[in-house]
Amino acid sequence: MKATLSFRQRAKLAMKILSKQPPVSLEEMKKQFNRSKKKGEKQFAKEAPKIEEQLKLIQSPLSFTDTVHIYRWLCRKQITINMIPKEILKEFKNTEQYEGFINRK
């Protein structure tokens, strides 16, 4: 027997677990969403100083991982465009992540 589950097996297991949960009203779902959103925002704000330090360590040329991190941090509002060093920003502006961020607004 395999120790890990395939994607299909995990999907079936998730459906089985979800089917056993009681239904939730639209209002309750919105409340849950808002609670999660507020909790996430608090956590992101708490992590922001560490993120700013990590941003200072990023050097050119940007790796794919660096561009994904910068995109994520921007979306989470942990950094702003103005915080990104000019050389890094110039390179970041040529990426799909930058386009996605600009189009997201």
Protein backbone atom coordinates (compact mmCIF):
# COMPACT_ATOMS: atom_id res chain seq x y z
CA MET A 1 0.00 0.00 0.00
CA LYS A 2 1.24 3.48 -0.89
CA ALA A 3 2.03 5.84 1.95
CA THR A 4 0.92 8.86 -0.09
CA LEU A 5 -2.44 9.45 -1.73
CA SER A 6 -2.85 10.36 -5.37
CA PHE A 7 -4.61 13.56 -6.34
CA ARG A 8 -7.73 11.62 -7.27
CA GLN A 9 -7.75 9.79 -3.92
CA ARG A 10 -7.33 13.05 -1.99
CA ALA A 11 -10.17 14.62 -3.99
CA LYS A 12 -12.49 11.69 -3.23
CA LEU A 13 -11.56 11.81 0.44
CA ALA A 14 -12.21 15.57 0.55
CA MET A 15 -15.62 15.13 -1.08
CA LYS A 16 -16.49 12.42 1.44
CA ILE A 17 -15.47 14.64 4.37
CA LEU A 18 -17.34 17.67 2.98
CA SER A 19 -20.49 15.66 2.38
CA LYS A 20 -20.64 14.87 6.11
CA GLN A 21 -20.52 18.52 7.16
CA PRO A 22 -23.78 20.31 7.90
CA PRO A 23 -24.90 22.89 5.31
CA VAL A 24 -23.97 26.52 5.92
CA SER A 25 -26.15 29.51 5.09
CA LEU A 26 -24.91 32.26 2.81
CA GLU A 27 -24.80 34.68 5.76
CA GLU A 28 -22.72 32.27 7.85
CA MET A 29 -20.39 31.71 4.91
CA LYS A 30 -19.88 35.48 4.56
CA LYS A 31 -19.14 35.75 8.28
CA GLN A 32 -16.59 32.93 8.03
CA PHE A 33 -14.99 34.61 5.02
CA ASN A 34 -14.74 37.96 6.82
CA ARG A 35 -13.27 36.32 9.94
CA SER A 36 -10.66 34.53 7.83
CA LYS A 37 -9.86 37.69 5.89
CA LYS A 38 -9.37 39.76 9.05
CA LYS A 39 -7.25 37.03 10.64
CA GLY A 40 -5.11 36.83 7.50
CA GLU A 41 -4.65 40.59 7.36
CA LYS A 42 -3.51 40.65 11.00
CA GLN A 43 -1.03 37.85 10.34
CA PHE A 44 0.27 39.54 7.18
CA ALA A 45 0.76 42.81 9.08
CA LYS A 46 2.62 40.95 11.81
CA GLU A 47 4.96 39.39 9.23
CA ALA A 48 5.57 42.67 7.33
CA PRO A 49 8.80 43.73 9.12
CA LYS A 50 10.41 40.34 8.35
CA ILE A 51 9.25 40.60 4.74
CA GLU A 52 10.81 44.05 4.39
CA GLU A 53 14.13 42.58 5.56
CA GLN A 54 13.84 39.72 3.08
CA LEU A 55 13.10 42.20 0.30
CA LYS A 56 16.39 43.99 1.02
CA LEU A 57 18.26 40.70 0.49
CA ILE A 58 16.88 40.11 -3.03
CA GLN A 59 19.46 40.79 -5.72
CA SER A 60 19.45 41.05 -9.47
CA PRO A 61 19.01 38.96 -11.60
CA LEU A 62 15.64 37.98 -10.15
CA SER A 63 14.87 34.30 -9.85
CA PHE A 64 11.37 33.02 -10.50
CA THR A 65 10.99 32.43 -6.76
CA ASP A 66 11.93 36.06 -6.05
CA THR A 67 9.31 37.37 -8.48
CA VAL A 68 6.65 35.13 -6.93
CA HIS A 69 7.59 36.32 -3.44
CA ILE A 70 7.44 39.97 -4.47
CA TYR A 71 4.05 39.43 -6.12
CA ARG A 72 2.70 37.66 -3.03
CA TRP A 73 3.98 40.35 -0.69
CA LEU A 74 2.44 43.09 -2.83
CA CYS A 75 -0.92 41.32 -2.96
CA ARG A 76 -0.88 40.81 0.80
CA LYS A 77 0.01 44.50 1.22
CA GLN A 78 3.11 43.57 3.19
CA ILE A 79 5.21 45.81 0.92
CA THR A 80 4.49 48.59 -1.54
CA ILE A 81 5.93 49.22 -5.00
CA ASN A 82 7.89 52.14 -3.50
CA MET A 83 9.74 49.79 -1.14
CA ILE A 84 11.22 47.74 -3.97
CA PRO A 85 14.75 48.89 -4.92
CA LYS A 86 14.82 50.57 -8.35
CA GLU A 87 17.03 47.94 -10.00
CA ILE A 88 14.82 45.11 -8.76
CA LEU A 89 11.62 46.99 -9.66
CA LYS A 90 12.86 47.61 -13.20
CA GLU A 91 13.42 43.87 -13.62
CA PHE A 92 10.17 42.95 -11.84
CA LYS A 93 8.16 45.17 -14.21
CA ASN A 94 9.13 42.83 -17.06
CA THR A 95 7.47 39.80 -15.44
CA GLU A 96 4.04 38.19 -15.71
CA GLN A 97 3.67 38.61 -11.94
CA TYR A 98 3.91 42.39 -12.30
CA GLU A 99 1.31 42.36 -15.08
CA GLY A 100 -0.94 40.21 -12.89
CA PHE A 101 -0.55 42.60 -9.97
CA ILE A 102 -1.32 45.68 -12.07
CA ASN A 103 -4.35 44.02 -13.69
CA ARG A 104 -5.56 42.82 -10.29
CA LYS A 105 -6.29 46.34 -9.11
